Structures are given as C-alpha cells and as structure tokens.
N, C-alpha and C. Protein backbone atom coordinates (compact mmCIF):
# COMPACT_ATOMS: atom_id res chain seq x y z
N MET A 1 258.11 110.67 190.82
CA MET A 1 256.93 110.77 191.66
C MET A 1 255.89 109.73 191.26
N LYS A 2 255.72 109.54 189.94
CA LYS A 2 254.74 108.55 189.48
C LYS A 2 255.12 107.14 189.91
N HIS A 3 256.43 106.87 189.93
CA HIS A 3 256.89 105.54 190.34
C HIS A 3 256.61 105.29 191.82
N ALA A 4 256.78 106.32 192.63
CA ALA A 4 256.52 106.19 194.06
C ALA A 4 255.04 105.91 194.32
N ILE A 5 254.18 106.60 193.62
CA ILE A 5 252.73 106.38 193.78
C ILE A 5 252.35 104.98 193.31
N LEU A 6 252.92 104.56 192.20
CA LEU A 6 252.65 103.21 191.69
C LEU A 6 253.11 102.15 192.69
N LEU A 7 254.28 102.31 193.27
CA LEU A 7 254.77 101.36 194.27
C LEU A 7 253.87 101.34 195.51
N LEU A 8 253.40 102.49 195.93
CA LEU A 8 252.51 102.57 197.08
C LEU A 8 251.20 101.84 196.80
N VAL A 9 250.63 102.07 195.63
CA VAL A 9 249.37 101.41 195.26
C VAL A 9 249.58 99.90 195.17
N LEU A 10 250.66 99.46 194.57
CA LEU A 10 250.94 98.02 194.48
C LEU A 10 251.17 97.41 195.85
N GLY A 11 251.82 98.12 196.74
CA GLY A 11 252.04 97.63 198.10
C GLY A 11 250.74 97.46 198.86
N VAL A 12 249.85 98.41 198.75
CA VAL A 12 248.54 98.33 199.42
C VAL A 12 247.72 97.19 198.82
N ALA A 13 247.75 97.05 197.51
CA ALA A 13 247.00 95.98 196.86
C ALA A 13 247.54 94.61 197.26
N ALA A 14 248.85 94.46 197.34
CA ALA A 14 249.45 93.18 197.74
C ALA A 14 249.08 92.85 199.17
N ASP A 15 249.06 93.83 200.04
CA ASP A 15 248.68 93.60 201.44
C ASP A 15 247.23 93.13 201.53
N ALA A 16 246.35 93.72 200.75
CA ALA A 16 244.93 93.34 200.77
C ALA A 16 244.74 91.93 200.22
N ILE A 17 245.51 91.56 199.23
CA ILE A 17 245.39 90.22 198.64
C ILE A 17 245.82 89.15 199.63
N LEU A 18 246.84 89.43 200.42
CA LEU A 18 247.39 88.45 201.35
C LEU A 18 246.64 88.39 202.68
N ALA A 19 245.75 89.31 202.91
CA ALA A 19 245.02 89.35 204.18
C ALA A 19 244.04 88.19 204.28
N GLY A 20 243.93 87.62 205.45
CA GLY A 20 242.98 86.54 205.69
C GLY A 20 241.72 87.06 206.33
N PRO A 21 240.74 86.19 206.50
CA PRO A 21 239.50 86.61 207.13
C PRO A 21 239.69 86.85 208.63
N ALA A 22 238.85 87.67 209.19
CA ALA A 22 238.89 87.93 210.63
C ALA A 22 238.47 86.68 211.38
N PRO A 23 239.06 86.44 212.56
CA PRO A 23 238.68 85.27 213.33
C PRO A 23 237.29 85.45 213.97
N TYR A 24 236.68 84.33 214.30
CA TYR A 24 235.39 84.33 215.01
C TYR A 24 235.64 84.14 216.49
N TYR A 25 234.74 84.64 217.31
CA TYR A 25 234.82 84.48 218.76
C TYR A 25 233.46 84.05 219.29
N GLN A 26 233.47 83.34 220.42
CA GLN A 26 232.22 83.02 221.10
C GLN A 26 231.89 84.19 222.02
N TRP A 27 230.64 84.57 222.03
CA TRP A 27 230.17 85.66 222.86
C TRP A 27 229.05 85.14 223.75
N ARG A 28 229.07 85.54 225.03
CA ARG A 28 228.06 85.11 226.00
C ARG A 28 227.23 86.32 226.42
N SER A 29 225.92 86.14 226.42
CA SER A 29 225.02 87.21 226.83
C SER A 29 225.13 87.42 228.34
N LYS A 30 225.24 88.67 228.77
CA LYS A 30 225.27 88.99 230.19
C LYS A 30 223.87 88.86 230.81
N LEU A 31 222.86 88.88 229.97
CA LEU A 31 221.48 88.82 230.44
C LEU A 31 221.05 87.41 230.80
N ASN A 32 221.27 86.45 229.87
CA ASN A 32 220.76 85.10 230.13
C ASN A 32 221.76 83.99 229.81
N GLY A 33 223.01 84.33 229.46
CA GLY A 33 224.03 83.32 229.21
C GLY A 33 223.99 82.67 227.84
N THR A 34 223.13 83.16 226.95
CA THR A 34 223.06 82.62 225.60
C THR A 34 224.41 82.79 224.91
N MET A 35 224.81 81.77 224.12
CA MET A 35 226.07 81.82 223.41
C MET A 35 225.83 82.15 221.94
N ALA A 36 226.74 82.93 221.35
CA ALA A 36 226.67 83.27 219.92
C ALA A 36 228.10 83.28 219.38
N CYS A 37 228.21 83.09 218.08
CA CYS A 37 229.51 83.09 217.41
C CYS A 37 229.51 84.24 216.40
N SER A 38 230.51 85.14 216.52
CA SER A 38 230.55 86.31 215.65
C SER A 38 231.98 86.81 215.50
N GLN A 39 232.24 87.49 214.38
CA GLN A 39 233.54 88.11 214.18
C GLN A 39 233.65 89.46 214.88
N THR A 40 232.54 90.07 215.15
CA THR A 40 232.53 91.41 215.75
C THR A 40 231.74 91.39 217.05
N PRO A 41 232.03 92.31 217.97
CA PRO A 41 231.26 92.39 219.21
C PRO A 41 229.78 92.61 218.92
N LEU A 42 228.93 92.00 219.73
CA LEU A 42 227.49 92.08 219.51
C LEU A 42 226.84 93.25 220.26
N GLY A 43 227.59 93.91 221.11
CA GLY A 43 227.06 95.05 221.84
C GLY A 43 227.46 95.01 223.29
N PRO A 44 227.02 96.00 224.07
CA PRO A 44 227.45 96.08 225.47
C PRO A 44 226.91 94.95 226.36
N GLY A 45 225.88 94.26 225.93
CA GLY A 45 225.31 93.18 226.73
C GLY A 45 225.98 91.84 226.51
N TRP A 46 227.09 91.82 225.79
CA TRP A 46 227.78 90.57 225.46
C TRP A 46 229.23 90.65 225.90
N GLU A 47 229.80 89.49 226.33
CA GLU A 47 231.21 89.43 226.68
C GLU A 47 231.87 88.27 225.94
N LYS A 48 233.11 88.46 225.55
CA LYS A 48 233.85 87.43 224.82
C LYS A 48 234.11 86.26 225.76
N SER A 49 233.79 85.04 225.32
CA SER A 49 233.98 83.88 226.19
C SER A 49 234.88 82.81 225.60
N GLY A 50 235.26 82.92 224.33
CA GLY A 50 236.14 81.92 223.75
C GLY A 50 236.62 82.32 222.38
N GLY A 51 237.70 81.68 221.97
CA GLY A 51 238.20 81.93 220.62
C GLY A 51 239.67 82.26 220.64
N PRO A 52 240.24 82.53 219.54
CA PRO A 52 239.64 82.74 218.22
C PRO A 52 239.38 81.42 217.50
N TYR A 53 238.38 81.44 216.62
CA TYR A 53 237.98 80.27 215.84
C TYR A 53 238.14 80.57 214.36
N ARG A 54 238.28 79.50 213.60
CA ARG A 54 238.48 79.59 212.16
C ARG A 54 237.16 79.62 211.39
N ASP A 55 236.07 79.11 211.99
CA ASP A 55 234.80 78.94 211.27
C ASP A 55 233.66 79.66 211.98
N ALA A 56 232.55 79.83 211.26
CA ALA A 56 231.39 80.57 211.78
C ALA A 56 230.56 79.77 212.78
N HIS A 57 230.92 78.51 213.02
CA HIS A 57 230.22 77.71 214.02
C HIS A 57 231.00 77.65 215.32
N CYS A 58 232.15 78.32 215.36
CA CYS A 58 233.04 78.34 216.53
C CYS A 58 233.41 76.92 216.96
N GLU A 59 233.83 76.11 215.99
CA GLU A 59 234.23 74.74 216.29
C GLU A 59 235.71 74.50 216.09
N LYS A 60 236.34 75.19 215.12
CA LYS A 60 237.75 74.95 214.78
C LYS A 60 238.62 76.05 215.36
N LEU A 61 239.28 75.76 216.47
CA LEU A 61 240.14 76.75 217.12
C LEU A 61 241.34 77.07 216.25
N ILE A 62 241.77 78.32 216.32
CA ILE A 62 243.01 78.72 215.66
C ILE A 62 244.12 78.49 216.68
N VAL A 63 245.07 77.64 216.32
CA VAL A 63 246.16 77.31 217.22
C VAL A 63 247.33 78.24 216.94
N ALA A 64 247.79 78.93 217.98
CA ALA A 64 248.94 79.83 217.83
C ALA A 64 250.21 79.01 217.77
N LYS A 65 251.14 79.45 216.94
CA LYS A 65 252.42 78.72 216.80
C LYS A 65 253.42 79.20 217.81
C-alpha cells in the first residue's frame, strides 16, 4: 500500500514538473473594442479574438504541429 501511494505522489509531482505555462489570448471588449492580452477570461463583457500566444504581449503565436 505504501508503494502505491508513493508511486501516485511521484506521478503527480512529475506531471506538475512537466507542465508548461497557460497560453495567452487576445480579448476584445464588447463595449468599446479595446484589446487586452490575458491567460484567463476577463469577464462577460469580453470575447476571445485571437490566440493562443506564447507571451504576455500577444505577439508570439503558438503554432500547432
């Protein structure tokens, strides 16, 4: 039983170590068209307009293979 728990903990830790950062997306305001770059939705007044991007300036697109 102890070995199974140890393997589970090591598996979760390895997964966390290999995880990369979340991608950034461009968001457009529904109110006035202002653009913003964020990893998470900004709220109901915003819609996703571009991405995913590698950087916080939304300049480097992530190219799918």
